[in-house]
Amino acid sequence: MDHYKVLGLSRTANKEEIKEAFRKLAMEFHPDKHAQSPKSVRDGATRRFKQVSEAYEVLIDDRKRADYNLRRNSGGGRSATASGGGGYRGYGYGYYNNRHNHTYGKSASGFASDGGISKFEIVLRFLSTRVFLLNAAFACALLGGSVIIDPSREALWKMRNPGKSFEDAMKSVEKAKALKDEI
């Protein structure tokens, strides 16, 4: 099931477009609206409402949407209906819909229970997390600062103390301390 098709959206839809499409379709297929309809119509509307709700849950959450797009583009994963029931089976999180008495979490191996994700995808997700990127930027800033400051320190010393080396300056400081201690 393509969540974008279910909501009638393009892959570039923003959150406002997703919310609006969901509201419109939820009003159209809500089970309460079809309570007096024949059983076949009521069942069809309920099934469609569940599909719309699932598509909305995935597409409105940035992390789930990115994972869904990654899965759809790579051809990996199965749709929720093909994997047996509702939920997000096959999208890598091992997240199952509680309405169908499934559990949350991953299998003992750390992968989703129906095949999981590759090690490359795990590394890619880790390397693209906000915390990792902020830490990497901070480390680069520190490293860059040390590379810039180290030569600048020597240039500043030479500018303020022409003709003297650092060692000569330290010897004169030690001599001044010794004279001060004698007095």
N, C-alpha and C. Protein backbone atom coordinates (compact mmCIF):
# COMPACT_ATOMS: atom_id res chain seq x y z
N MET A 1 0.85 -1.17 0.00
CA MET A 1 0.00 0.00 0.00
C MET A 1 0.89 1.24 0.00
N ASP A 2 0.65 2.12 -0.92
CA ASP A 2 1.40 3.37 -1.01
C ASP A 2 0.65 4.42 -0.20
N HIS A 3 1.27 4.89 0.88
CA HIS A 3 0.62 5.84 1.77
C HIS A 3 0.30 7.15 1.06
N TYR A 4 1.12 7.54 0.12
CA TYR A 4 0.86 8.78 -0.61
C TYR A 4 -0.39 8.64 -1.47
N LYS A 5 -0.55 7.48 -2.12
CA LYS A 5 -1.73 7.26 -2.96
C LYS A 5 -2.99 7.18 -2.10
N VAL A 6 -2.86 6.56 -0.92
CA VAL A 6 -4.02 6.44 -0.04
C VAL A 6 -4.56 7.82 0.32
N LEU A 7 -3.67 8.76 0.58
CA LEU A 7 -4.10 10.12 0.92
C LEU A 7 -4.25 11.02 -0.30
N GLY A 8 -3.89 10.52 -1.48
CA GLY A 8 -4.01 11.30 -2.71
C GLY A 8 -3.01 12.44 -2.77
N LEU A 9 -1.78 12.19 -2.33
CA LEU A 9 -0.75 13.22 -2.26
C LEU A 9 0.46 12.87 -3.10
N SER A 10 1.26 13.89 -3.38
CA SER A 10 2.55 13.65 -4.03
C SER A 10 3.59 13.44 -2.94
N ARG A 11 4.75 12.93 -3.32
CA ARG A 11 5.82 12.66 -2.35
C ARG A 11 6.40 13.95 -1.76
N THR A 12 6.12 15.08 -2.36
CA THR A 12 6.66 16.35 -1.86
C THR A 12 5.67 17.09 -0.97
N ALA A 13 4.59 16.44 -0.59
CA ALA A 13 3.55 17.08 0.23
C ALA A 13 4.12 17.51 1.58
N ASN A 14 3.71 18.69 2.02
CA ASN A 14 4.15 19.15 3.34
C ASN A 14 3.14 18.70 4.40
N LYS A 15 3.45 19.02 5.66
CA LYS A 15 2.61 18.55 6.76
C LYS A 15 1.19 19.11 6.70
N GLU A 16 1.06 20.34 6.27
CA GLU A 16 -0.28 20.93 6.17
C GLU A 16 -1.13 20.20 5.13
N GLU A 17 -0.51 19.86 3.99
CA GLU A 17 -1.23 19.13 2.95
C GLU A 17 -1.62 17.74 3.44
N ILE A 18 -0.73 17.11 4.20
CA ILE A 18 -1.02 15.78 4.75
C ILE A 18 -2.19 15.86 5.72
N LYS A 19 -2.15 16.85 6.62
CA LYS A 19 -3.24 17.00 7.59
C LYS A 19 -4.57 17.26 6.90
N GLU A 20 -4.56 18.13 5.90
CA GLU A 20 -5.79 18.46 5.19
C GLU A 20 -6.36 17.25 4.46
N ALA A 21 -5.50 16.49 3.79
CA ALA A 21 -5.96 15.30 3.08
C ALA A 21 -6.52 14.28 4.06
N PHE A 22 -5.85 14.12 5.21
CA PHE A 22 -6.33 13.18 6.22
C PHE A 22 -7.70 13.60 6.75
N ARG A 23 -7.85 14.88 7.09
CA ARG A 23 -9.13 15.36 7.61
C ARG A 23 -10.27 15.09 6.63
N LYS A 24 -10.01 15.38 5.37
CA LYS A 24 -11.04 15.21 4.34
C LYS A 24 -11.43 13.74 4.22
N LEU A 25 -10.44 12.85 4.13
CA LEU A 25 -10.72 11.43 3.96
C LEU A 25 -11.26 10.80 5.24
N ALA A 26 -10.80 11.27 6.40
CA ALA A 26 -11.31 10.73 7.67
C ALA A 26 -12.79 11.06 7.82
N MET A 27 -13.17 12.25 7.43
CA MET A 27 -14.60 12.61 7.50
C MET A 27 -15.42 11.76 6.54
N GLU A 28 -14.85 11.47 5.39
CA GLU A 28 -15.57 10.69 4.38
C GLU A 28 -15.74 9.23 4.79
N PHE A 29 -14.72 8.63 5.40
CA PHE A 29 -14.74 7.20 5.70
C PHE A 29 -14.90 6.86 7.18
N HIS A 30 -15.16 7.84 8.03
CA HIS A 30 -15.26 7.56 9.46
C HIS A 30 -16.39 6.55 9.73
N PRO A 31 -16.11 5.54 10.56
CA PRO A 31 -17.12 4.50 10.83
C PRO A 31 -18.44 5.05 11.38
N ASP A 32 -18.41 6.10 12.17
CA ASP A 32 -19.65 6.66 12.71
C ASP A 32 -20.55 7.21 11.61
N LYS A 33 -19.95 7.69 10.53
CA LYS A 33 -20.73 8.23 9.43
C LYS A 33 -21.47 7.11 8.69
N HIS A 34 -20.91 5.91 8.73
CA HIS A 34 -21.49 4.77 8.00
C HIS A 34 -22.15 3.76 8.93
N ALA A 35 -22.52 4.19 10.12
CA ALA A 35 -23.11 3.27 11.10
C ALA A 35 -24.44 2.69 10.61
N GLN A 36 -25.21 3.45 9.85
CA GLN A 36 -26.52 2.98 9.37
C GLN A 36 -26.44 2.38 7.96
N SER A 37 -25.25 2.32 7.39
CA SER A 37 -25.08 1.78 6.03
C SER A 37 -25.12 0.26 6.07
N PRO A 38 -25.30 -0.36 4.89
CA PRO A 38 -25.24 -1.83 4.83
C PRO A 38 -23.86 -2.33 5.26
N LYS A 39 -23.79 -3.58 5.70
CA LYS A 39 -22.56 -4.14 6.25
C LYS A 39 -21.39 -4.04 5.28
N SER A 40 -21.59 -4.32 4.00
CA SER A 40 -20.49 -4.27 3.03
C SER A 40 -19.94 -2.86 2.89
N VAL A 41 -20.80 -1.86 2.87
CA VAL A 41 -20.37 -0.47 2.78
C VAL A 41 -19.64 -0.07 4.07
N ARG A 42 -20.22 -0.47 5.22
CA ARG A 42 -19.63 -0.15 6.51
C ARG A 42 -18.24 -0.77 6.65
N ASP A 43 -18.09 -2.04 6.25
CA ASP A 43 -16.79 -2.71 6.32
C ASP A 43 -15.77 -2.06 5.39
N GLY A 44 -16.21 -1.71 4.19
CA GLY A 44 -15.31 -1.04 3.24
C GLY A 44 -14.85 0.32 3.77
N ALA A 45 -15.77 1.07 4.37
CA ALA A 45 -15.42 2.38 4.91
C ALA A 45 -14.47 2.22 6.10
N THR A 46 -14.72 1.21 6.93
CA THR A 46 -13.85 0.98 8.10
C THR A 46 -12.44 0.61 7.65
N ARG A 47 -12.36 -0.27 6.64
CA ARG A 47 -11.05 -0.67 6.11
C ARG A 47 -10.33 0.53 5.52
N ARG A 48 -11.04 1.34 4.76
CA ARG A 48 -10.44 2.52 4.14
C ARG A 48 -10.02 3.54 5.21
N PHE A 49 -10.82 3.70 6.27
CA PHE A 49 -10.48 4.61 7.36
C PHE A 49 -9.19 4.16 8.05
N LYS A 50 -9.03 2.86 8.24
CA LYS A 50 -7.80 2.34 8.85
C LYS A 50 -6.59 2.61 7.96
N GLN A 51 -6.76 2.45 6.65
CA GLN A 51 -5.66 2.73 5.72
C GLN A 51 -5.29 4.21 5.76
N VAL A 52 -6.27 5.06 5.77
CA VAL A 52 -6.03 6.51 5.81
C VAL A 52 -5.34 6.88 7.12
N SER A 53 -5.79 6.29 8.23
CA SER A 53 -5.18 6.58 9.53
C SER A 53 -3.73 6.11 9.58
N GLU A 54 -3.47 4.93 9.05
CA GLU A 54 -2.11 4.40 9.03
C GLU A 54 -1.20 5.27 8.17
N ALA A 55 -1.69 5.67 6.99
CA ALA A 55 -0.91 6.52 6.10
C ALA A 55 -0.60 7.85 6.79
N TYR A 56 -1.58 8.40 7.48
CA TYR A 56 -1.37 9.67 8.18
C TYR A 56 -0.32 9.51 9.28
N GLU A 57 -0.42 8.43 10.08
CA GLU A 57 0.54 8.21 11.17
C GLU A 57 1.97 8.12 10.65
N VAL A 58 2.16 7.51 9.50
CA VAL A 58 3.51 7.37 8.94
C VAL A 58 3.99 8.68 8.34
N LEU A 59 3.16 9.33 7.56
CA LEU A 59 3.60 10.50 6.81
C LEU A 59 3.72 11.76 7.66
N ILE A 60 2.99 11.86 8.75
CA ILE A 60 3.06 13.07 9.57
C ILE A 60 4.28 13.07 10.47
N ASP A 61 4.82 11.90 10.79
CA ASP A 61 6.01 11.78 11.64
C ASP A 61 7.24 11.78 10.74
N ASP A 62 8.13 12.76 10.92
CA ASP A 62 9.28 12.92 10.02
C ASP A 62 10.15 11.67 9.98
N ARG A 63 10.40 11.05 11.12
CA ARG A 63 11.26 9.88 11.17
C ARG A 63 10.63 8.69 10.45
N LYS A 64 9.35 8.44 10.73
CA LYS A 64 8.66 7.32 10.06
C LYS A 64 8.55 7.57 8.56
N ARG A 65 8.31 8.83 8.20
CA ARG A 65 8.18 9.17 6.78
C ARG A 65 9.50 8.95 6.05
N ALA A 66 10.61 9.38 6.66
CA ALA A 66 11.91 9.18 6.04
C ALA A 66 12.22 7.70 5.89
N ASP A 67 11.90 6.93 6.91
CA ASP A 67 12.12 5.49 6.85
C ASP A 67 11.24 4.85 5.78
N TYR A 68 9.98 5.28 5.71
CA TYR A 68 9.05 4.77 4.70
C TYR A 68 9.56 5.10 3.29
N ASN A 69 9.99 6.35 3.08
CA ASN A 69 10.51 6.76 1.77
C ASN A 69 11.75 5.96 1.40
N LEU A 70 12.63 5.74 2.39
CA LEU A 70 13.84 4.95 2.14
C LEU A 70 13.47 3.54 1.73
N ARG A 71 12.52 2.96 2.42
CA ARG A 71 12.08 1.60 2.09
C ARG A 71 11.42 1.53 0.72
N ARG A 72 10.58 2.50 0.41
CA ARG A 72 9.88 2.49 -0.88
C ARG A 72 10.86 2.68 -2.03
N ASN A 73 11.85 3.57 -1.84
CA ASN A 73 12.80 3.85 -2.91
C ASN A 73 13.76 2.70 -3.13
N SER A 74 14.14 2.00 -2.04
CA SER A 74 15.10 0.91 -2.18
C SER A 74 14.43 -0.39 -2.57
N GLY A 75 13.09 -0.41 -2.54
CA GLY A 75 12.38 -1.63 -2.90
C GLY A 75 12.32 -2.62 -1.76
N GLY A 76 12.87 -2.28 -0.62
CA GLY A 76 12.86 -3.18 0.53
C GLY A 76 11.57 -3.04 1.29
N GLY A 77 11.35 -3.98 2.18
CA GLY A 77 10.18 -3.92 3.03
C GLY A 77 8.93 -4.30 2.28
N ARG A 78 7.93 -4.70 3.05
CA ARG A 78 6.66 -5.05 2.45
C ARG A 78 5.62 -4.09 2.98
N SER A 79 4.54 -3.99 2.28
CA SER A 79 3.49 -3.11 2.78
C SER A 79 2.84 -3.76 3.98
N ALA A 80 2.12 -2.98 4.74
CA ALA A 80 1.52 -3.49 5.97
C ALA A 80 0.48 -4.56 5.66
N THR A 81 -0.25 -4.41 4.56
CA THR A 81 -1.26 -5.41 4.25
C THR A 81 -0.61 -6.69 3.77
N ALA A 82 0.50 -6.61 3.08
CA ALA A 82 1.17 -7.82 2.60
C ALA A 82 1.85 -8.56 3.74
N SER A 83 2.17 -7.86 4.82
CA SER A 83 2.88 -8.51 5.91
C SER A 83 1.95 -9.07 6.95
N GLY A 84 0.66 -8.94 6.72
CA GLY A 84 -0.27 -9.57 7.63
C GLY A 84 -0.82 -8.62 8.68
N GLY A 85 -1.71 -7.76 8.32
CA GLY A 85 -2.34 -6.91 9.32
C GLY A 85 -1.81 -5.51 9.29
N GLY A 86 -2.28 -4.74 10.24
CA GLY A 86 -1.90 -3.34 10.31
C GLY A 86 -0.51 -3.19 10.88
N GLY A 87 -0.08 -1.98 10.98
CA GLY A 87 1.21 -1.71 11.60
C GLY A 87 2.26 -1.39 10.57
N TYR A 88 3.49 -1.36 11.02
CA TYR A 88 4.59 -0.92 10.18
C TYR A 88 5.59 -2.03 9.98
N ARG A 89 5.14 -3.24 9.93
CA ARG A 89 6.03 -4.35 9.74
C ARG A 89 6.77 -4.18 8.43
N GLY A 90 8.08 -4.36 8.45
CA GLY A 90 8.86 -4.25 7.22
C GLY A 90 9.47 -2.88 7.03
N TYR A 91 9.19 -1.93 7.88
CA TYR A 91 9.77 -0.61 7.71
C TYR A 91 10.96 -0.40 8.64
N GLY A 92 11.42 -1.42 9.34
CA GLY A 92 12.67 -1.33 10.05
C GLY A 92 12.58 -1.07 11.53
N TYR A 93 11.48 -0.55 12.03
CA TYR A 93 11.42 -0.24 13.44
C TYR A 93 10.90 -1.41 14.27
N GLY A 94 10.28 -2.39 13.64
CA GLY A 94 9.68 -3.47 14.39
C GLY A 94 8.49 -2.96 15.18
N TYR A 95 7.83 -1.95 14.67
CA TYR A 95 6.71 -1.31 15.35
C TYR A 95 5.44 -1.95 14.85
N TYR A 96 4.61 -2.39 15.76
CA TYR A 96 3.37 -3.03 15.36
C TYR A 96 2.19 -2.28 15.95
N ASN A 97 1.09 -2.37 15.29
CA ASN A 97 -0.10 -1.66 15.70
C ASN A 97 -0.75 -2.37 16.88
N ASN A 98 -0.98 -1.66 17.96
CA ASN A 98 -1.52 -2.24 19.18
C ASN A 98 -2.96 -2.69 19.01
N ARG A 99 -3.70 -2.13 18.06
CA ARG A 99 -5.10 -2.52 17.86
C ARG A 99 -5.21 -3.97 17.45
N HIS A 100 -4.17 -4.52 16.86
CA HIS A 100 -4.20 -5.90 16.39
C HIS A 100 -3.47 -6.83 17.34
N ASN A 101 -3.29 -6.40 18.57
CA ASN A 101 -2.63 -7.18 19.62
C ASN A 101 -1.22 -7.60 19.25
N HIS A 102 -0.53 -6.76 18.54
CA HIS A 102 0.88 -7.00 18.26
C HIS A 102 1.70 -6.30 19.32
N THR A 103 2.98 -6.57 19.35
CA THR A 103 3.84 -5.96 20.36
C THR A 103 4.70 -4.89 19.72
N TYR A 104 5.30 -4.07 20.58
CA TYR A 104 6.22 -3.04 20.13
C TYR A 104 7.63 -3.57 20.31
N GLY A 105 8.54 -3.15 19.47
CA GLY A 105 9.94 -3.47 19.70
C GLY A 105 10.55 -4.27 18.59
N LYS A 106 11.75 -4.73 18.86
CA LYS A 106 12.52 -5.46 17.87
C LYS A 106 12.74 -6.88 18.35
N SER A 107 13.19 -7.71 17.47
CA SER A 107 13.50 -9.09 17.85
C SER A 107 14.80 -9.11 18.64
N ALA A 108 15.17 -10.27 19.15
CA ALA A 108 16.36 -10.39 19.99
C ALA A 108 17.62 -9.99 19.25
N SER A 109 17.64 -10.13 17.94
CA SER A 109 18.83 -9.77 17.16
C SER A 109 18.97 -8.27 16.98
N GLY A 110 17.92 -7.50 17.33
CA GLY A 110 17.98 -6.06 17.16
C GLY A 110 17.40 -5.60 15.83
N PHE A 111 17.01 -6.53 15.01
CA PHE A 111 16.41 -6.19 13.73
C PHE A 111 14.91 -6.41 13.81
N ALA A 112 14.18 -5.79 12.91
CA ALA A 112 12.74 -6.03 12.87
C ALA A 112 12.53 -7.51 12.59
N SER A 113 11.46 -8.06 13.12
CA SER A 113 11.30 -9.50 13.12
C SER A 113 11.03 -10.11 11.75
N ASP A 114 10.76 -9.33 10.73
CA ASP A 114 10.46 -9.93 9.44
C ASP A 114 11.59 -9.74 8.43
N GLY A 115 12.81 -9.65 8.85
CA GLY A 115 13.92 -9.53 7.92
C GLY A 115 14.82 -8.38 8.27
N GLY A 116 14.24 -7.31 8.74
CA GLY A 116 15.03 -6.23 9.29
C GLY A 116 15.68 -5.35 8.26
N ILE A 117 16.68 -4.66 8.74
CA ILE A 117 17.38 -3.69 7.93
C ILE A 117 18.84 -4.08 7.85
N SER A 118 19.50 -3.62 6.84
CA SER A 118 20.90 -3.98 6.66
C SER A 118 21.79 -3.17 7.60
N LYS A 119 22.99 -3.64 7.79
CA LYS A 119 23.95 -2.94 8.65
C LYS A 119 24.27 -1.57 8.08
N PHE A 120 24.31 -1.47 6.76
CA PHE A 120 24.56 -0.19 6.12
C PHE A 120 23.49 0.82 6.50
N GLU A 121 22.21 0.38 6.49
CA GLU A 121 21.12 1.28 6.85
C GLU A 121 21.22 1.71 8.31
N ILE A 122 21.64 0.81 9.18
CA ILE A 122 21.80 1.14 10.59
C ILE A 122 22.88 2.21 10.74
N VAL A 123 24.00 2.01 10.08
CA VAL A 123 25.10 2.98 10.14
C VAL A 123 24.65 4.31 9.53
N LEU A 124 23.95 4.25 8.42
CA LEU A 124 23.48 5.48 7.76
C LEU A 124 22.53 6.24 8.67
N ARG A 125 21.61 5.54 9.33
CA ARG A 125 20.68 6.20 10.25
C ARG A 125 21.43 6.82 11.42
N PHE A 126 22.42 6.10 11.96
CA PHE A 126 23.20 6.63 13.08
C PHE A 126 23.96 7.88 12.66
N LEU A 127 24.61 7.80 11.49
CA LEU A 127 25.40 8.94 11.02
C LEU A 127 24.55 10.14 10.65
N SER A 128 23.26 9.94 10.43
CA SER A 128 22.41 11.07 10.06
C SER A 128 21.55 11.56 11.22
N THR A 129 21.76 11.04 12.42
CA THR A 129 20.99 11.54 13.56
C THR A 129 21.47 12.93 13.93
N ARG A 130 20.57 13.70 14.49
CA ARG A 130 20.87 15.09 14.84
C ARG A 130 21.99 15.16 15.88
N VAL A 131 21.96 14.29 16.88
CA VAL A 131 22.98 14.31 17.93
C VAL A 131 24.36 14.02 17.36
N PHE A 132 24.45 13.01 16.50
CA PHE A 132 25.74 12.68 15.90
C PHE A 132 26.26 13.85 15.07
N LEU A 133 25.39 14.45 14.28
CA LEU A 133 25.82 15.55 13.42
C LEU A 133 26.26 16.76 14.25
N LEU A 134 25.55 17.04 15.35
CA LEU A 134 25.97 18.15 16.21
C LEU A 134 27.32 17.87 16.86
N ASN A 135 27.51 16.65 17.34
CA ASN A 135 28.80 16.29 17.95
C ASN A 135 29.93 16.34 16.92
N ALA A 136 29.66 15.88 15.71
CA ALA A 136 30.68 15.92 14.67
C ALA A 136 31.03 17.37 14.32
N ALA A 137 30.03 18.23 14.25
CA ALA A 137 30.29 19.64 13.96
C ALA A 137 31.11 20.28 15.08
N PHE A 138 30.79 19.96 16.33
CA PHE A 138 31.53 20.50 17.46
C PHE A 138 32.98 20.02 17.43
N ALA A 139 33.19 18.72 17.15
CA ALA A 139 34.55 18.18 17.07
C ALA A 139 35.33 18.85 15.94
N CYS A 140 34.69 19.06 14.80
CA CYS A 140 35.36 19.73 13.68
C CYS A 140 35.72 21.17 14.04
N ALA A 141 34.83 21.85 14.77
CA ALA A 141 35.12 23.23 15.18
C ALA A 141 36.32 23.26 16.12
N LEU A 142 36.39 22.32 17.06
CA LEU A 142 37.53 22.26 17.98
C LEU A 142 38.82 21.96 17.23
N LEU A 143 38.77 20.99 16.35
CA LEU A 143 39.95 20.62 15.58
C LEU A 143 40.39 21.78 14.69
N GLY A 144 39.45 22.40 14.02
CA GLY A 144 39.77 23.55 13.17
C GLY A 144 40.34 24.70 13.98
N GLY A 145 39.77 24.93 15.16
CA GLY A 145 40.28 25.98 16.03
C GLY A 145 41.71 25.72 16.46
N SER A 146 42.02 24.46 16.80
CA SER A 146 43.39 24.15 17.23
C SER A 146 44.38 24.29 16.07
N VAL A 147 43.93 23.96 14.87
CA VAL A 147 44.81 24.09 13.70
C VAL A 147 45.08 25.57 13.41
N ILE A 148 44.09 26.41 13.63
CA ILE A 148 44.25 27.83 13.36
C ILE A 148 45.01 28.52 14.49
N ILE A 149 44.70 28.16 15.72
CA ILE A 149 45.29 28.86 16.87
C ILE A 149 46.76 28.52 17.06
N ASP A 150 47.16 27.29 16.81
CA ASP A 150 48.54 26.88 17.06
C ASP A 150 49.54 27.75 16.28
N PRO A 151 49.42 27.90 14.97
CA PRO A 151 50.37 28.78 14.25
C PRO A 151 50.18 30.26 14.63
N SER A 152 48.96 30.63 14.97
CA SER A 152 48.70 32.03 15.33
C SER A 152 49.41 32.39 16.62
N ARG A 153 49.49 31.46 17.55
CA ARG A 153 50.15 31.71 18.83
C ARG A 153 51.61 32.08 18.60
N GLU A 154 52.28 31.32 17.74
CA GLU A 154 53.69 31.59 17.46
C GLU A 154 53.85 32.93 16.73
N ALA A 155 52.97 33.22 15.79
CA ALA A 155 53.04 34.48 15.06
C ALA A 155 52.79 35.66 15.99
N LEU A 156 51.86 35.51 16.91
CA LEU A 156 51.58 36.56 17.88
C LEU A 156 52.77 36.79 18.80
N TRP A 157 53.43 35.71 19.21
CA TRP A 157 54.61 35.83 20.07
C TRP A 157 55.70 36.62 19.37
N LYS A 158 55.96 36.26 18.11
CA LYS A 158 57.02 36.95 17.35
C LYS A 158 56.68 38.42 17.12
N MET A 159 55.39 38.71 16.97
CA MET A 159 54.98 40.07 16.74
C MET A 159 55.17 40.92 18.02
N ARG A 160 54.85 40.37 19.16
CA ARG A 160 54.95 41.11 20.43
C ARG A 160 56.38 41.12 20.99
N ASN A 161 57.18 40.13 20.65
CA ASN A 161 58.53 40.00 21.19
C ASN A 161 59.53 39.80 20.06
N PRO A 162 59.80 40.84 19.29
CA PRO A 162 60.72 40.67 18.15
C PRO A 162 62.14 40.37 18.65
N GLY A 163 62.75 39.40 18.03
CA GLY A 163 64.14 39.07 18.33
C GLY A 163 64.31 38.13 19.51
N LYS A 164 63.27 37.83 20.24
CA LYS A 164 63.39 36.92 21.38
C LYS A 164 62.71 35.61 21.05
N SER A 165 63.31 34.55 21.51
CA SER A 165 62.64 33.26 21.38
C SER A 165 61.87 33.00 22.68
N PHE A 166 60.98 32.07 22.64
CA PHE A 166 60.19 31.74 23.82
C PHE A 166 61.10 31.24 24.95
N GLU A 167 62.10 30.44 24.59
CA GLU A 167 63.03 29.90 25.59
C GLU A 167 63.80 31.03 26.28
N ASP A 168 64.25 32.02 25.49
CA ASP A 168 64.95 33.17 26.08
C ASP A 168 64.04 33.93 27.05
N ALA A 169 62.79 34.09 26.66
CA ALA A 169 61.84 34.79 27.52
C ALA A 169 61.62 34.03 28.81
N MET A 170 61.54 32.71 28.75
CA MET A 170 61.35 31.89 29.96
C MET A 170 62.57 31.99 30.88
N LYS A 171 63.77 32.03 30.31
CA LYS A 171 64.98 32.18 31.12
C LYS A 171 64.98 33.52 31.85
N SER A 172 64.55 34.59 31.14
CA SER A 172 64.51 35.90 31.79
C SER A 172 63.44 35.96 32.87
N VAL A 173 62.33 35.25 32.70
CA VAL A 173 61.29 35.19 33.73
C VAL A 173 61.82 34.47 34.96
N GLU A 174 62.54 33.35 34.74
CA GLU A 174 63.11 32.60 35.86
C GLU A 174 64.14 33.45 36.61
N LYS A 175 64.94 34.21 35.89
CA LYS A 175 65.92 35.09 36.53
C LYS A 175 65.21 36.15 37.37
N ALA A 176 64.11 36.68 36.83
CA ALA A 176 63.36 37.71 37.56
C ALA A 176 62.75 37.12 38.83
N LYS A 177 62.27 35.89 38.79
CA LYS A 177 61.73 35.22 39.97
C LYS A 177 62.82 35.00 41.02
N ALA A 178 63.99 34.58 40.55
CA ALA A 178 65.09 34.32 41.47
C ALA A 178 65.50 35.62 42.16
N LEU A 179 65.57 36.72 41.41
CA LEU A 179 65.92 38.01 42.01
C LEU A 179 64.84 38.47 43.00
N LYS A 180 63.61 38.21 42.70
CA LYS A 180 62.52 38.60 43.56
C LYS A 180 62.55 37.81 44.88
N ASP A 181 62.91 36.52 44.79
CA ASP A 181 63.00 35.67 45.97
C ASP A 181 64.17 36.09 46.87
N GLU A 182 65.23 36.60 46.28
CA GLU A 182 66.39 37.05 47.07
C GLU A 182 66.07 38.32 47.83
N ILE A 183 65.22 39.11 47.34
CA ILE A 183 64.92 40.40 47.97
C ILE A 183 63.99 40.22 49.12
